[in-house]
C-alpha atoms as a PDB file:
ATOM      1  CA  UNK A   1      -5.444 -27.932  31.930  1.00  0.00           C
ATOM      2  CA  UNK A   2      -2.689 -30.532  32.232  1.00  0.00           C
ATOM      3  CA  UNK A   3       0.006 -27.857  31.891  1.00  0.00           C
ATOM      4  CA  UNK A   4      -1.590 -25.884  34.728  1.00  0.00           C
ATOM      5  CA  UNK A   5      -1.584 -28.929  37.016  1.00  0.00           C
ATOM      6  CA  UNK A   6       2.098 -29.503  36.286  1.00  0.00           C
ATOM      7  CA  UNK A   7       2.785 -25.859  37.073  1.00  0.00           C
ATOM      8  CA  UNK A   8       1.111 -26.117  40.465  1.00  0.00           C
ATOM      9  CA  UNK A   9       2.896 -29.395  41.156  1.00  0.00           C
ATOM     10  CA  UNK A  10       6.319 -27.890  40.492  1.00  0.00           C
ATOM     11  CA  UNK A  11       5.576 -24.834  42.608  1.00  0.00           C
ATOM     12  CA  UNK A  12       4.385 -27.050  45.466  1.00  0.00           C
ATOM     13  CA  UNK A  13       7.505 -29.209  45.184  1.00  0.00           C
ATOM     14  CA  UNK A  14       9.689 -26.078  45.273  1.00  0.00           C
ATOM     15  CA  UNK A  15       7.966 -24.835  48.421  1.00  0.00           C
ATOM     16  CA  UNK A  16       8.180 -28.237  50.101  1.00  0.00           C
ATOM     17  CA  UNK A  17      11.885 -28.364  49.267  1.00  0.00           C
ATOM     18  CA  UNK A  18      12.414 -24.925  50.750  1.00  0.00           C
ATOM     19  CA  UNK A  19      10.509 -25.911  53.873  1.00  0.00           C
ATOM     20  CA  UNK A  20      12.619 -29.057  54.309  1.00  0.00           C
ATOM     21  CA  UNK A  21      15.809 -27.047  53.874  1.00  0.00           C
ATOM     22  CA  UNK A  22      14.627 -24.553  56.496  1.00  0.00           C
ATOM     23  CA  UNK A  23      13.842 -27.353  58.965  1.00  0.00           C
ATOM     24  CA  UNK A  24      17.207 -29.029  58.350  1.00  0.00           C
ATOM     25  CA  UNK A  25      19.062 -25.739  58.752  1.00  0.00           C
ATOM     26  CA  UNK A  26      17.280 -24.858  61.981  1.00  0.00           C
ATOM     27  CA  UNK A  27      18.077 -28.311  63.335  1.00  0.00           C
ATOM     28  CA  UNK A  28      21.713 -27.984  62.279  1.00  0.00           C
ATOM     29  CA  UNK A  29      22.023 -24.530  63.838  1.00  0.00           C
ATOM     30  CA  UNK A  30      20.517 -25.744  67.098  1.00  0.00           C
ATOM     31  CA  UNK A  31      22.823 -28.762  67.318  1.00  0.00           C
ATOM     32  CA  UNK A  32      26.062 -27.143  66.116  1.00  0.00           C
ATOM     33  CA  UNK A  33      26.630 -23.514  67.066  1.00  0.00           C
ATOM     34  CA  UNK A  34      28.281 -22.405  63.814  1.00  0.00           C
ATOM     35  CA  UNK A  35      28.294 -18.687  62.977  1.00  0.00           C
ATOM     36  CA  UNK A  36      29.570 -19.078  59.402  1.00  0.00           C
ATOM     37  CA  UNK A  37      27.062 -21.839  58.710  1.00  0.00           C
ATOM     38  CA  UNK A  38      24.254 -19.581  59.862  1.00  0.00           C
ATOM     39  CA  UNK A  39      25.254 -16.844  57.453  1.00  0.00           C
ATOM     40  CA  UNK A  40      25.673 -19.195  54.494  1.00  0.00           C
ATOM     41  CA  UNK A  41      22.373 -20.874  55.301  1.00  0.00           C
ATOM     42  CA  UNK A  42      20.499 -17.590  55.477  1.00  0.00           C
ATOM     43  CA  UNK A  43      21.961 -16.296  52.209  1.00  0.00           C
ATOM     44  CA  UNK A  44      21.215 -19.613  50.496  1.00  0.00           C
ATOM     45  CA  UNK A  45      17.623 -19.575  51.708  1.00  0.00           C
ATOM     46  CA  UNK A  46      17.179 -15.962  50.630  1.00  0.00           C
ATOM     47  CA  UNK A  47      18.416 -16.825  47.130  1.00  0.00           C
ATOM     48  CA  UNK A  48      16.164 -19.908  46.876  1.00  0.00           C
ATOM     49  CA  UNK A  49      13.090 -18.041  48.070  1.00  0.00           C
ATOM     50  CA  UNK A  50      13.786 -15.123  45.712  1.00  0.00           C
ATOM     51  CA  UNK A  51      14.039 -17.480  42.743  1.00  0.00           C
ATOM     52  CA  UNK A  52      10.753 -19.151  43.726  1.00  0.00           C
ATOM     53  CA  UNK A  53       9.087 -15.738  44.046  1.00  0.00           C
ATOM     54  CA  UNK A  54      10.357 -14.746  40.606  1.00  0.00           C
ATOM     55  CA  UNK A  55       9.008 -17.930  39.032  1.00  0.00           C
ATOM     56  CA  UNK A  56       5.665 -17.455  40.746  1.00  0.00           C
ATOM     57  CA  UNK A  57       5.390 -13.862  39.555  1.00  0.00           C
ATOM     58  CA  UNK A  58       5.956 -14.955  35.960  1.00  0.00           C
ATOM     59  CA  UNK A  59       3.653 -17.973  36.045  1.00  0.00           C
ATOM     60  CA  UNK A  60       0.796 -17.240  38.453  1.00  0.00           C
ATOM     61  CA  UNK A  61      -1.819 -14.525  38.827  1.00  0.00           C
ATOM     62  CA  UNK A  62      -2.028 -12.369  41.953  1.00  0.00           C
ATOM     63  CA  UNK A  63      -4.884 -14.425  43.406  1.00  0.00           C
ATOM     64  CA  UNK A  64      -3.051 -17.711  42.804  1.00  0.00           C
ATOM     65  CA  UNK A  65       0.123 -16.339  44.395  1.00  0.00           C
ATOM     66  CA  UNK A  66      -1.849 -15.255  47.444  1.00  0.00           C
ATOM     67  CA  UNK A  67      -3.316 -18.761  47.777  1.00  0.00           C
ATOM     68  CA  UNK A  68       0.127 -20.360  47.462  1.00  0.00           C
ATOM     69  CA  UNK A  69       1.634 -17.962  50.011  1.00  0.00           C
ATOM     70  CA  UNK A  70      -1.092 -18.525  52.595  1.00  0.00           C
ATOM     71  CA  UNK A  71      -1.004 -22.295  52.194  1.00  0.00           C
ATOM     72  CA  UNK A  72       2.796 -22.343  52.533  1.00  0.00           C
ATOM     73  CA  UNK A  73       2.620 -20.090  55.595  1.00  0.00           C
ATOM     74  CA  UNK A  74      -0.092 -22.261  57.177  1.00  0.00           C
ATOM     75  CA  UNK A  75       1.843 -25.481  56.660  1.00  0.00           C
ATOM     76  CA  UNK A  76       5.011 -23.874  58.044  1.00  0.00           C
ATOM     77  CA  UNK A  77       3.220 -22.646  61.166  1.00  0.00           C
ATOM     78  CA  UNK A  78       1.598 -26.042  61.748  1.00  0.00           C
ATOM     79  CA  UNK A  79       4.934 -27.845  61.407  1.00  0.00           C
ATOM     80  CA  UNK A  80       6.668 -25.466  63.824  1.00  0.00           C
ATOM     81  CA  UNK A  81       3.830 -25.675  66.366  1.00  0.00           C
ATOM     82  CA  UNK A  82       3.911 -29.467  66.261  1.00  0.00           C
ATOM     83  CA  UNK A  83       7.709 -29.457  66.408  1.00  0.00           C
ATOM     84  CA  UNK A  84       7.891 -27.169  69.420  1.00  0.00           C
ATOM     85  CA  UNK A  85       5.140 -28.907  71.375  1.00  0.00           C
ATOM     86  CA  UNK A  86       6.713 -32.356  71.111  1.00  0.00           C
ATOM     87  CA  UNK A  87      10.321 -31.338  71.752  1.00  0.00           C
END
C-alpha cells in the first residue's frame, strides 16, 4: 500500500513539473519572440511527456492511466482558463 502511494506521488510530481514547464515556456514564448527557443521547447516537452507516458504504461493499469490523464487535463484546462480570464 505504501509503495502504491509513493508511485502515485511521483507520477503526480512529474505531471506538475511538466505543467509548470509548459506554463513557463508559453510565458517565455509570449514575451520573447524566439523561433529557435520554440523548437527546442517543443522537442524538450515532447521528450519529457513521452518518458512520463512510458513510466505510466509500465507502472499503472489502463484505468489508473485514464484517471491520471483526465485529472491532468482538467487541471491544465482550469489553469489556462483562469490565466486567460485574468490577463
